Amino acid sequence: MTEKKTTMGVKLDEETRERLKQLGVAKQRSVHWLMKEAIARYLTVEEQHERERAEDMARYQEYLETGRHIAQGDMMSWLDGLAEEAAARKPGAR
């Protein structure tokens, strides 16, 4: 199945256009490829950020509804224990 593609225009200032051209030459890639790559990377990062934000909000809402939480001191003790276990498993550890 072929993917439908759409053309979109982006107005860029002359400095940005020139930077894209120079980078394209350096990377042996077209300006078009660079722009598509930049957009794809941006979307990946921002979509991950939005997923994490939604998870954080869901966790906060659960806390508001239930009051369940882990005290920082308890969490730090648990993490320290994990770190000690990991260090003990390293080769050369006692």
C-alpha atoms as a PDB file:
ATOM      1  CA  MET A   1       0.000   0.000   0.000  1.00  0.00           C
ATOM      2  CA  THR A   2       1.453   3.361  -0.974  1.00  0.00           C
ATOM      3  CA  GLU A   3       1.541   6.161   1.500  1.00  0.00           C
ATOM      4  CA  LYS A   4      -0.168   9.381   0.471  1.00  0.00           C
ATOM      5  CA  LYS A   5       2.238  12.312   0.579  1.00  0.00           C
ATOM      6  CA  THR A   6       1.370  15.983   0.782  1.00  0.00           C
ATOM      7  CA  THR A   7       3.470  19.021   0.029  1.00  0.00           C
ATOM      8  CA  MET A   8       3.649  21.714   2.687  1.00  0.00           C
ATOM      9  CA  GLY A   9       5.405  25.044   2.374  1.00  0.00           C
ATOM     10  CA  VAL A  10       7.650  26.532   5.020  1.00  0.00           C
ATOM     11  CA  LYS A  11       8.792  30.138   4.869  1.00  0.00           C
ATOM     12  CA  LEU A  12      12.370  30.461   6.071  1.00  0.00           C
ATOM     13  CA  ASP A  13      14.560  33.489   6.483  1.00  0.00           C
ATOM     14  CA  GLU A  14      17.606  33.743   4.238  1.00  0.00           C
ATOM     15  CA  GLU A  15      20.063  32.854   7.024  1.00  0.00           C
ATOM     16  CA  THR A  16      18.234  29.610   7.812  1.00  0.00           C
ATOM     17  CA  ARG A  17      18.035  28.703   4.120  1.00  0.00           C
ATOM     18  CA  GLU A  18      21.769  29.275   3.745  1.00  0.00           C
ATOM     19  CA  ARG A  19      22.554  27.211   6.840  1.00  0.00           C
ATOM     20  CA  LEU A  20      20.458  24.368   5.452  1.00  0.00           C
ATOM     21  CA  LYS A  21      22.247  24.568   2.099  1.00  0.00           C
ATOM     22  CA  GLN A  22      25.681  24.515   3.745  1.00  0.00           C
ATOM     23  CA  LEU A  23      24.783  21.605   5.986  1.00  0.00           C
ATOM     24  CA  GLY A  24      23.341  19.742   3.020  1.00  0.00           C
ATOM     25  CA  VAL A  25      26.617  20.119   1.153  1.00  0.00           C
ATOM     26  CA  ALA A  26      28.623  19.013   4.198  1.00  0.00           C
ATOM     27  CA  LYS A  27      26.424  15.951   4.748  1.00  0.00           C
ATOM     28  CA  GLN A  28      25.902  15.261   1.061  1.00  0.00           C
ATOM     29  CA  ARG A  29      22.148  15.460   1.590  1.00  0.00           C
ATOM     30  CA  SER A  30      19.468  17.606   0.028  1.00  0.00           C
ATOM     31  CA  VAL A  31      17.858  20.483   1.897  1.00  0.00           C
ATOM     32  CA  HIS A  32      14.587  18.586   1.517  1.00  0.00           C
ATOM     33  CA  TRP A  33      16.069  15.526   3.280  1.00  0.00           C
ATOM     34  CA  LEU A  34      17.462  17.683   6.098  1.00  0.00           C
ATOM     35  CA  MET A  35      14.090  19.322   6.694  1.00  0.00           C
ATOM     36  CA  LYS A  36      12.243  15.987   6.703  1.00  0.00           C
ATOM     37  CA  GLU A  37      14.826  14.538   9.110  1.00  0.00           C
ATOM     38  CA  ALA A  38      14.608  17.560  11.406  1.00  0.00           C
ATOM     39  CA  ILE A  39      10.817  17.371  11.516  1.00  0.00           C
ATOM     40  CA  ALA A  40      10.859  13.612  12.169  1.00  0.00           C
ATOM     41  CA  ARG A  41      13.353  14.009  15.032  1.00  0.00           C
ATOM     42  CA  TYR A  42      11.394  16.906  16.531  1.00  0.00           C
ATOM     43  CA  LEU A  43       8.150  14.928  16.411  1.00  0.00           C
ATOM     44  CA  THR A  44       9.779  11.901  18.051  1.00  0.00           C
ATOM     45  CA  VAL A  45      11.117  13.999  20.926  1.00  0.00           C
ATOM     46  CA  GLU A  46       7.924  15.998  21.428  1.00  0.00           C
ATOM     47  CA  GLU A  47       5.630  12.967  21.218  1.00  0.00           C
ATOM     48  CA  GLN A  48       7.736  11.228  23.880  1.00  0.00           C
ATOM     49  CA  HIS A  49       7.556  14.350  26.015  1.00  0.00           C
ATOM     50  CA  GLU A  50       3.759  14.410  25.688  1.00  0.00           C
ATOM     51  CA  ARG A  51       3.486  10.694  26.572  1.00  0.00           C
ATOM     52  CA  GLU A  52       5.599  11.259  29.689  1.00  0.00           C
ATOM     53  CA  ARG A  53       3.564  14.336  30.643  1.00  0.00           C
ATOM     54  CA  ALA A  54       0.338  12.362  30.293  1.00  0.00           C
ATOM     55  CA  GLU A  55       1.776   9.558  32.453  1.00  0.00           C
ATOM     56  CA  ASP A  56       2.851  12.091  35.085  1.00  0.00           C
ATOM     57  CA  MET A  57      -0.599  13.654  35.135  1.00  0.00           C
ATOM     58  CA  ALA A  58      -2.233  10.216  35.457  1.00  0.00           C
ATOM     59  CA  ARG A  59       0.072   9.361  38.368  1.00  0.00           C
ATOM     60  CA  TYR A  60      -0.691  12.677  40.038  1.00  0.00           C
ATOM     61  CA  GLN A  61      -4.414  12.153  39.572  1.00  0.00           C
ATOM     62  CA  GLU A  62      -4.098   8.683  41.124  1.00  0.00           C
ATOM     63  CA  TYR A  63      -2.267  10.228  44.081  1.00  0.00           C
ATOM     64  CA  LEU A  64      -5.025  12.815  44.499  1.00  0.00           C
ATOM     65  CA  GLU A  65      -7.659  10.084  44.442  1.00  0.00           C
ATOM     66  CA  THR A  66      -5.908   7.519  46.659  1.00  0.00           C
ATOM     67  CA  GLY A  67      -3.297   9.403  48.678  1.00  0.00           C
ATOM     68  CA  ARG A  68      -0.853   6.544  48.027  1.00  0.00           C
ATOM     69  CA  HIS A  69       2.749   7.658  47.800  1.00  0.00           C
ATOM     70  CA  ILE A  70       6.321   6.670  48.604  1.00  0.00           C
ATOM     71  CA  ALA A  71       8.292   8.918  50.910  1.00  0.00           C
ATOM     72  CA  GLN A  72      11.546  10.237  49.461  1.00  0.00           C
ATOM     73  CA  GLY A  73      13.632   8.681  52.246  1.00  0.00           C
ATOM     74  CA  ASP A  74      12.095   5.260  51.595  1.00  0.00           C
ATOM     75  CA  MET A  75      12.712   5.583  47.868  1.00  0.00           C
ATOM     76  CA  MET A  76      16.317   6.651  48.397  1.00  0.00           C
ATOM     77  CA  SER A  77      16.932   3.691  50.710  1.00  0.00           C
ATOM     78  CA  TRP A  78      15.479   1.309  48.129  1.00  0.00           C
ATOM     79  CA  LEU A  79      17.595   2.835  45.341  1.00  0.00           C
ATOM     80  CA  ASP A  80      20.730   2.686  47.498  1.00  0.00           C
ATOM     81  CA  GLY A  81      20.029  -1.002  48.115  1.00  0.00           C
ATOM     82  CA  LEU A  82      19.709  -1.626  44.379  1.00  0.00           C
ATOM     83  CA  ALA A  83      22.994   0.185  43.760  1.00  0.00           C
ATOM     84  CA  GLU A  84      24.745  -1.904  46.425  1.00  0.00           C
ATOM     85  CA  GLU A  85      23.391  -5.125  44.896  1.00  0.00           C
ATOM     86  CA  ALA A  86      24.557  -4.074  41.436  1.00  0.00           C
ATOM     87  CA  ALA A  87      28.013  -3.161  42.742  1.00  0.00           C
ATOM     88  CA  ALA A  88      28.301  -6.536  44.493  1.00  0.00           C
ATOM     89  CA  ARG A  89      27.539  -8.341  41.203  1.00  0.00           C
ATOM     90  CA  LYS A  90      30.337  -6.572  39.307  1.00  0.00           C
ATOM     91  CA  PRO A  91      33.356  -8.751  38.474  1.00  0.00           C
ATOM     92  CA  GLY A  92      36.093  -8.332  41.063  1.00  0.00           C
ATOM     93  CA  ALA A  93      33.659  -7.310  43.806  1.00  0.00           C
ATOM     94  CA  ARG A  94      33.778  -9.186  47.076  1.00  0.00           C
END
